[in-house]
Amino acid sequence: MTVAGGPAAEMLARLPVKGRAPKTGYSRDEFGPRWSDTDKNGCDQRNDVLARDLDDVAYKPGTDDCVVQSGILNPDPYTGEVIQFERGAGSSSAVQIDHVVSLSDAWQSGAQQLDAAAREQFANDPDNLRAVDGPTNARKGDGDAASWLPPRRESWCEYGARQVEVKARYGLWVKPAERDALARLLDTCPAAPLASLPSGEIAAVPTVVRTIAARPARDTTG
């Protein structure tokens, strides 16, 4: 029998449910340097995600195909719109990189108990990063599924499943209202998929960050 929501719903049922922890001590710096090269492919994760998620990518000259200069987000997963990305002081914010599970929400859901290396991995995990419409990402803030969902309903199933998987991967919990919102969402989804973890598997702390397949490691010995 197929369970509504499939593996994601089954994994959600196994996540711990607790109240929101205090935000005391939270800062962006608790998750390491911004946009580390955690997968050691020579490019930081922000540019890796832009290269993965944009079409018609052009790179800034002299950056060894690392720094994305321009591209097209087609479509933006949160709004369905087509958005042009052009690197620049007044234009880069049109496309932002969203942490599907925000850093602040993670901090208040167990990440403050992780060590510094695990938090840096979380902040740069490609499964938790998406190139999205900048203004929409700003409106999301640090909201969880109980307080914010993408305007584009077609993305809800994938978005909810990804939140569940990321929280499971890092041993984070869900708040009661968040759990209820995700359960209602996934109940409408036909076997919502997971990116990597098998059904029911809860990984307390990852040992490595998964490399973005579209950008293999380069030979730097020459």
C-alpha atoms as a PDB file:
ATOM      1  CA  MET A   1       0.000   0.000   0.000  1.00  0.00           C
ATOM      2  CA  THR A   2       1.316   3.469  -0.859  1.00  0.00           C
ATOM      3  CA  VAL A   3       1.349   5.835   2.097  1.00  0.00           C
ATOM      4  CA  ALA A   4       0.359   9.436   1.370  1.00  0.00           C
ATOM      5  CA  GLY A   5       3.527  11.476   1.522  1.00  0.00           C
ATOM      6  CA  GLY A   6       5.603   8.316   1.150  1.00  0.00           C
ATOM      7  CA  PRO A   7       9.142   8.289   2.588  1.00  0.00           C
ATOM      8  CA  ALA A   8       8.999  11.928   3.676  1.00  0.00           C
ATOM      9  CA  ALA A   9       5.851  11.382   5.741  1.00  0.00           C
ATOM     10  CA  GLU A  10       7.336   8.245   7.280  1.00  0.00           C
ATOM     11  CA  MET A  11      10.515  10.116   8.180  1.00  0.00           C
ATOM     12  CA  LEU A  12       8.524  13.015   9.645  1.00  0.00           C
ATOM     13  CA  ALA A  13       6.754  10.562  11.951  1.00  0.00           C
ATOM     14  CA  ARG A  14      10.161   9.530  13.332  1.00  0.00           C
ATOM     15  CA  LEU A  15      11.487  13.032  13.999  1.00  0.00           C
ATOM     16  CA  PRO A  16      11.539  14.176  17.626  1.00  0.00           C
ATOM     17  CA  VAL A  17       8.905  16.794  18.488  1.00  0.00           C
ATOM     18  CA  LYS A  18       9.957  19.499  20.949  1.00  0.00           C
ATOM     19  CA  GLY A  19       9.299  23.144  21.654  1.00  0.00           C
ATOM     20  CA  ARG A  20      11.386  25.920  20.159  1.00  0.00           C
ATOM     21  CA  ALA A  21      14.700  26.314  21.979  1.00  0.00           C
ATOM     22  CA  PRO A  22      15.840  29.824  22.984  1.00  0.00           C
ATOM     23  CA  LYS A  23      17.583  31.856  20.299  1.00  0.00           C
ATOM     24  CA  THR A  24      20.187  32.847  22.879  1.00  0.00           C
ATOM     25  CA  GLY A  25      23.700  32.729  21.442  1.00  0.00           C
ATOM     26  CA  TYR A  26      22.611  32.575  17.804  1.00  0.00           C
ATOM     27  CA  SER A  27      24.592  34.384  15.141  1.00  0.00           C
ATOM     28  CA  ARG A  28      25.457  33.632  11.540  1.00  0.00           C
ATOM     29  CA  ASP A  29      29.062  33.132  12.642  1.00  0.00           C
ATOM     30  CA  GLU A  30      28.035  30.050  14.653  1.00  0.00           C
ATOM     31  CA  PHE A  31      27.673  28.271  11.281  1.00  0.00           C
ATOM     32  CA  GLY A  32      31.187  29.013  10.087  1.00  0.00           C
ATOM     33  CA  PRO A  33      32.474  31.269   7.313  1.00  0.00           C
ATOM     34  CA  ARG A  34      29.912  32.334   4.731  1.00  0.00           C
ATOM     35  CA  TRP A  35      29.937  30.047   1.716  1.00  0.00           C
ATOM     36  CA  SER A  36      32.813  27.726   2.452  1.00  0.00           C
ATOM     37  CA  ASP A  37      34.220  25.328  -0.124  1.00  0.00           C
ATOM     38  CA  THR A  38      33.164  22.384   2.033  1.00  0.00           C
ATOM     39  CA  ASP A  39      33.110  19.912  -0.853  1.00  0.00           C
ATOM     40  CA  LYS A  40      36.699  20.853  -1.800  1.00  0.00           C
ATOM     41  CA  ASN A  41      36.005  21.327  -5.503  1.00  0.00           C
ATOM     42  CA  GLY A  42      37.713  24.712  -5.633  1.00  0.00           C
ATOM     43  CA  CYS A  43      34.551  26.856  -5.663  1.00  0.00           C
ATOM     44  CA  ASP A  44      32.429  28.125  -2.781  1.00  0.00           C
ATOM     45  CA  GLN A  45      28.954  26.707  -2.225  1.00  0.00           C
ATOM     46  CA  ARG A  46      27.101  29.875  -3.252  1.00  0.00           C
ATOM     47  CA  ASN A  47      28.619  29.739  -6.717  1.00  0.00           C
ATOM     48  CA  ASP A  48      28.206  25.971  -6.850  1.00  0.00           C
ATOM     49  CA  VAL A  49      24.473  26.358  -6.213  1.00  0.00           C
ATOM     50  CA  LEU A  50      24.113  29.151  -8.766  1.00  0.00           C
ATOM     51  CA  ALA A  51      25.920  26.990 -11.336  1.00  0.00           C
ATOM     52  CA  ARG A  52      23.655  24.052 -10.497  1.00  0.00           C
ATOM     53  CA  ASP A  53      20.323  25.883 -10.479  1.00  0.00           C
ATOM     54  CA  LEU A  54      20.694  28.503 -13.229  1.00  0.00           C
ATOM     55  CA  ASP A  55      20.481  28.013 -16.980  1.00  0.00           C
ATOM     56  CA  ASP A  56      22.739  29.714 -19.550  1.00  0.00           C
ATOM     57  CA  VAL A  57      25.453  30.266 -16.949  1.00  0.00           C
ATOM     58  CA  ALA A  58      28.354  32.593 -17.753  1.00  0.00           C
ATOM     59  CA  TYR A  59      31.377  32.811 -15.467  1.00  0.00           C
ATOM     60  CA  LYS A  60      33.389  35.841 -14.468  1.00  0.00           C
ATOM     61  CA  PRO A  61      36.615  35.855 -16.480  1.00  0.00           C
ATOM     62  CA  GLY A  62      39.723  34.862 -14.583  1.00  0.00           C
ATOM     63  CA  THR A  63      37.907  32.842 -11.907  1.00  0.00           C
ATOM     64  CA  ASP A  64      38.581  29.377 -13.375  1.00  0.00           C
ATOM     65  CA  ASP A  65      34.843  28.864 -14.004  1.00  0.00           C
ATOM     66  CA  CYS A  66      33.990  29.398 -10.342  1.00  0.00           C
ATOM     67  CA  VAL A  67      32.304  32.794  -9.974  1.00  0.00           C
ATOM     68  CA  VAL A  68      28.940  32.899 -11.745  1.00  0.00           C
ATOM     69  CA  GLN A  69      28.553  36.207 -13.580  1.00  0.00           C
ATOM     70  CA  SER A  70      25.086  35.666 -15.027  1.00  0.00           C
ATOM     71  CA  GLY A  71      22.393  33.105 -15.680  1.00  0.00           C
ATOM     72  CA  ILE A  72      18.652  32.507 -15.774  1.00  0.00           C
ATOM     73  CA  LEU A  73      16.569  30.956 -13.005  1.00  0.00           C
ATOM     74  CA  ASN A  74      13.918  29.173 -15.054  1.00  0.00           C
ATOM     75  CA  PRO A  75      11.687  28.770 -13.234  1.00  0.00           C
ATOM     76  CA  ASP A  76      12.124  30.077  -9.731  1.00  0.00           C
ATOM     77  CA  PRO A  77      10.886  27.167  -7.590  1.00  0.00           C
ATOM     78  CA  TYR A  78       9.082  29.446  -5.136  1.00  0.00           C
ATOM     79  CA  THR A  79       7.167  31.707  -7.552  1.00  0.00           C
ATOM     80  CA  GLY A  80       7.331  29.999 -10.940  1.00  0.00           C
ATOM     81  CA  GLU A  81       8.749  33.168 -12.487  1.00  0.00           C
ATOM     82  CA  VAL A  82      11.742  33.385 -14.818  1.00  0.00           C
ATOM     83  CA  ILE A  83      14.431  35.560 -13.213  1.00  0.00           C
ATOM     84  CA  GLN A  84      17.603  36.935 -14.744  1.00  0.00           C
ATOM     85  CA  PHE A  85      20.685  36.844 -12.519  1.00  0.00           C
ATOM     86  CA  GLU A  86      23.451  39.355 -13.164  1.00  0.00           C
ATOM     87  CA  ARG A  87      26.255  39.728 -10.633  1.00  0.00           C
ATOM     88  CA  GLY A  88      26.598  43.295  -9.391  1.00  0.00           C
ATOM     89  CA  ALA A  89      26.059  45.579  -6.423  1.00  0.00           C
ATOM     90  CA  GLY A  90      22.533  46.465  -7.511  1.00  0.00           C
ATOM     91  CA  SER A  91      21.494  43.237  -9.195  1.00  0.00           C
ATOM     92  CA  SER A  92      22.841  40.159  -7.383  1.00  0.00           C
ATOM     93  CA  SER A  93      19.999  40.206  -4.859  1.00  0.00           C
ATOM     94  CA  ALA A  94      17.437  39.332  -7.562  1.00  0.00           C
ATOM     95  CA  VAL A  95      18.477  35.709  -7.009  1.00  0.00           C
ATOM     96  CA  GLN A  96      19.419  34.630  -3.502  1.00  0.00           C
ATOM     97  CA  ILE A  97      20.468  31.303  -2.015  1.00  0.00           C
ATOM     98  CA  ASP A  98      17.855  30.051   0.433  1.00  0.00           C
ATOM     99  CA  HIS A  99      18.578  27.727   3.320  1.00  0.00           C
ATOM    100  CA  VAL A 100      15.461  25.562   3.070  1.00  0.00           C
ATOM    101  CA  VAL A 101      15.794  24.947   6.799  1.00  0.00           C
ATOM    102  CA  SER A 102      17.003  28.353   7.922  1.00  0.00           C
ATOM    103  CA  LEU A 103      20.044  28.724  10.141  1.00  0.00           C
ATOM    104  CA  SER A 104      18.024  30.425  12.869  1.00  0.00           C
ATOM    105  CA  ASP A 105      15.344  27.741  12.812  1.00  0.00           C
ATOM    106  CA  ALA A 106      18.032  25.055  12.925  1.00  0.00           C
ATOM    107  CA  TRP A 107      19.664  26.765  15.916  1.00  0.00           C
ATOM    108  CA  GLN A 108      16.346  26.692  17.759  1.00  0.00           C
ATOM    109  CA  SER A 109      15.737  23.055  16.754  1.00  0.00           C
ATOM    110  CA  GLY A 110      18.921  21.431  18.005  1.00  0.00           C
ATOM    111  CA  ALA A 111      21.808  22.820  15.929  1.00  0.00           C
ATOM    112  CA  GLN A 112      23.239  24.658  18.918  1.00  0.00           C
ATOM    113  CA  GLN A 113      24.081  21.188  20.256  1.00  0.00           C
ATOM    114  CA  LEU A 114      26.109  20.293  17.143  1.00  0.00           C
ATOM    115  CA  ASP A 115      29.811  20.969  16.974  1.00  0.00           C
ATOM    116  CA  ALA A 116      31.212  23.770  14.830  1.00  0.00           C
ATOM    117  CA  ALA A 117      32.174  21.472  11.951  1.00  0.00           C
ATOM    118  CA  ALA A 118      28.688  19.966  11.723  1.00  0.00           C
ATOM    119  CA  ARG A 119      27.072  23.404  11.755  1.00  0.00           C
ATOM    120  CA  GLU A 120      29.344  24.543   8.930  1.00  0.00           C
ATOM    121  CA  GLN A 121      28.387  21.430   6.976  1.00  0.00           C
ATOM    122  CA  PHE A 122      24.712  22.212   7.576  1.00  0.00           C
ATOM    123  CA  ALA A 123      25.103  25.784   6.321  1.00  0.00           C
ATOM    124  CA  ASN A 124      26.725  24.562   3.107  1.00  0.00           C
ATOM    125  CA  ASP A 125      24.811  21.327   2.469  1.00  0.00           C
ATOM    126  CA  PRO A 126      23.644  21.467  -1.173  1.00  0.00           C
ATOM    127  CA  ASP A 127      20.425  19.631  -0.306  1.00  0.00           C
ATOM    128  CA  ASN A 128      19.519  22.549   1.984  1.00  0.00           C
ATOM    129  CA  LEU A 129      20.432  25.254  -0.546  1.00  0.00           C
ATOM    130  CA  ARG A 130      18.352  26.550  -3.456  1.00  0.00           C
ATOM    131  CA  ALA A 131      18.675  29.513  -5.790  1.00  0.00           C
ATOM    132  CA  VAL A 132      15.392  31.403  -5.463  1.00  0.00           C
ATOM    133  CA  ASP A 133      13.702  34.750  -6.017  1.00  0.00           C
ATOM    134  CA  GLY A 134      15.414  37.242  -3.713  1.00  0.00           C
ATOM    135  CA  PRO A 135      12.387  39.209  -2.460  1.00  0.00           C
ATOM    136  CA  THR A 136      10.478  35.986  -1.758  1.00  0.00           C
ATOM    137  CA  ASN A 137      13.414  34.625   0.217  1.00  0.00           C
ATOM    138  CA  ALA A 138      13.542  37.849   2.233  1.00  0.00           C
ATOM    139  CA  ARG A 139       9.854  37.482   3.105  1.00  0.00           C
ATOM    140  CA  LYS A 140      10.446  33.911   4.269  1.00  0.00           C
ATOM    141  CA  GLY A 141      13.040  35.020   6.792  1.00  0.00           C
ATOM    142  CA  ASP A 142      13.643  32.242   9.302  1.00  0.00           C
ATOM    143  CA  GLY A 143      10.114  30.842   9.090  1.00  0.00           C
ATOM    144  CA  ASP A 144       9.424  27.135   9.379  1.00  0.00           C
ATOM    145  CA  ALA A 145       6.627  25.283   7.576  1.00  0.00           C
ATOM    146  CA  ALA A 146       4.073  26.423  10.150  1.00  0.00           C
ATOM    147  CA  SER A 147       4.672  30.087   9.347  1.00  0.00           C
ATOM    148  CA  TRP A 148       5.780  30.129   5.699  1.00  0.00           C
ATOM    149  CA  LEU A 149       5.390  28.110   2.512  1.00  0.00           C
ATOM    150  CA  PRO A 150       6.369  29.096  -1.039  1.00  0.00           C
ATOM    151  CA  PRO A 151       3.705  31.069  -2.946  1.00  0.00           C
ATOM    152  CA  ARG A 152       3.847  28.460  -5.727  1.00  0.00           C
ATOM    153  CA  ARG A 153       1.800  25.541  -4.428  1.00  0.00           C
ATOM    154  CA  GLU A 154       3.345  23.148  -6.955  1.00  0.00           C
ATOM    155  CA  SER A 155       6.596  23.325  -4.985  1.00  0.00           C
ATOM    156  CA  TRP A 156       5.090  22.495  -1.589  1.00  0.00           C
ATOM    157  CA  CYS A 157       5.603  18.726  -1.693  1.00  0.00           C
ATOM    158  CA  GLU A 158       9.260  18.932  -2.648  1.00  0.00           C
ATOM    159  CA  TYR A 159       9.833  21.796  -0.209  1.00  0.00           C
ATOM    160  CA  GLY A 160       8.241  19.934   2.696  1.00  0.00           C
ATOM    161  CA  ALA A 161      10.073  16.705   1.919  1.00  0.00           C
ATOM    162  CA  ARG A 162      13.374  18.552   1.752  1.00  0.00           C
ATOM    163  CA  GLN A 163      12.802  20.206   5.129  1.00  0.00           C
ATOM    164  CA  VAL A 164      12.075  16.836   6.705  1.00  0.00           C
ATOM    165  CA  GLU A 165      15.136  15.208   5.184  1.00  0.00           C
ATOM    166  CA  VAL A 166      17.502  17.982   6.224  1.00  0.00           C
ATOM    167  CA  LYS A 167      16.235  17.957   9.799  1.00  0.00           C
ATOM    168  CA  ALA A 168      16.601  14.184   9.915  1.00  0.00           C
ATOM    169  CA  ARG A 169      20.107  14.297   8.481  1.00  0.00           C
ATOM    170  CA  TYR A 170      21.337  16.641  11.198  1.00  0.00           C
ATOM    171  CA  GLY A 171      19.383  15.198  14.114  1.00  0.00           C
ATOM    172  CA  LEU A 172      17.171  18.289  14.466  1.00  0.00           C
ATOM    173  CA  TRP A 173      13.663  18.273  15.833  1.00  0.00           C
ATOM    174  CA  VAL A 174      10.362  19.766  14.669  1.00  0.00           C
ATOM    175  CA  LYS A 175       8.119  21.984  16.771  1.00  0.00           C
ATOM    176  CA  PRO A 176       4.531  20.785  17.335  1.00  0.00           C
ATOM    177  CA  ALA A 177       2.935  23.334  14.973  1.00  0.00           C
ATOM    178  CA  GLU A 178       5.656  22.696  12.391  1.00  0.00           C
ATOM    179  CA  ARG A 179       5.116  18.935  12.599  1.00  0.00           C
ATOM    180  CA  ASP A 180       1.372  19.392  12.121  1.00  0.00           C
ATOM    181  CA  ALA A 181       1.862  21.720   9.137  1.00  0.00           C
ATOM    182  CA  LEU A 182       4.293  19.325   7.464  1.00  0.00           C
ATOM    183  CA  ALA A 183       2.018  16.351   8.117  1.00  0.00           C
ATOM    184  CA  ARG A 184      -0.942  18.135   6.504  1.00  0.00           C
ATOM    185  CA  LEU A 185       1.206  19.177   3.565  1.00  0.00           C
ATOM    186  CA  LEU A 186       2.736  15.749   2.960  1.00  0.00           C
ATOM    187  CA  ASP A 187      -0.657  14.077   3.293  1.00  0.00           C
ATOM    188  CA  THR A 188      -1.579  15.738  -0.011  1.00  0.00           C
ATOM    189  CA  CYS A 189       1.585  14.547  -1.763  1.00  0.00           C
ATOM    190  CA  PRO A 190       1.874  11.334  -3.795  1.00  0.00           C
ATOM    191  CA  ALA A 191       4.883   9.649  -2.183  1.00  0.00           C
ATOM    192  CA  ALA A 192       6.901  12.837  -1.697  1.00  0.00           C
ATOM    193  CA  PRO A 193      10.518  11.890  -2.524  1.00  0.00           C
ATOM    194  CA  LEU A 194      13.655  12.229  -0.474  1.00  0.00           C
ATOM    195  CA  ALA A 195      16.935  13.346  -1.992  1.00  0.00           C
ATOM    196  CA  SER A 196      19.124  10.672  -0.418  1.00  0.00           C
ATOM    197  CA  LEU A 197      18.216   9.196   2.963  1.00  0.00           C
ATOM    198  CA  PRO A 198      16.261   5.925   2.805  1.00  0.00           C
ATOM    199  CA  SER A 199      12.803   5.845   4.341  1.00  0.00           C
ATOM    200  CA  GLY A 200      12.939   6.056   8.122  1.00  0.00           C
ATOM    201  CA  GLU A 201      16.684   6.693   8.415  1.00  0.00           C
ATOM    202  CA  ILE A 202      17.634   9.360  10.922  1.00  0.00           C
ATOM    203  CA  ALA A 203      21.248  10.482  10.747  1.00  0.00           C
ATOM    204  CA  ALA A 204      22.257  12.449  13.843  1.00  0.00           C
ATOM    205  CA  VAL A 205      25.317  14.120  12.334  1.00  0.00           C
ATOM    206  CA  PRO A 206      26.635  13.769   8.779  1.00  0.00           C
ATOM    207  CA  THR A 207      30.222  12.798   8.216  1.00  0.00           C
ATOM    208  CA  VAL A 208      30.549  14.563   4.869  1.00  0.00           C
ATOM    209  CA  VAL A 209      28.659  17.094   2.806  1.00  0.00           C
ATOM    210  CA  ARG A 210      27.405  15.724  -0.477  1.00  0.00           C
ATOM    211  CA  THR A 211      29.217  17.208  -3.447  1.00  0.00           C
ATOM    212  CA  ILE A 212      27.166  18.975  -6.089  1.00  0.00           C
ATOM    213  CA  ALA A 213      27.448  16.606  -9.012  1.00  0.00           C
ATOM    214  CA  ALA A 214      27.334  19.319 -11.653  1.00  0.00           C
ATOM    215  CA  ARG A 215      30.709  20.677 -10.547  1.00  0.00           C
ATOM    216  CA  PRO A 216      33.342  17.955 -10.161  1.00  0.00           C
ATOM    217  CA  ALA A 217      36.596  18.539  -8.359  1.00  0.00           C
ATOM    218  CA  ARG A 218      39.283  19.981 -10.585  1.00  0.00           C
ATOM    219  CA  ASP A 219      42.944  19.087 -10.896  1.00  0.00           C
ATOM    220  CA  THR A 220      44.911  21.812  -9.114  1.00  0.00           C
ATOM    221  CA  THR A 221      48.315  20.139  -9.255  1.00  0.00           C
ATOM    222  CA  GLY A 222      49.418  21.823 -12.471  1.00  0.00           C
END
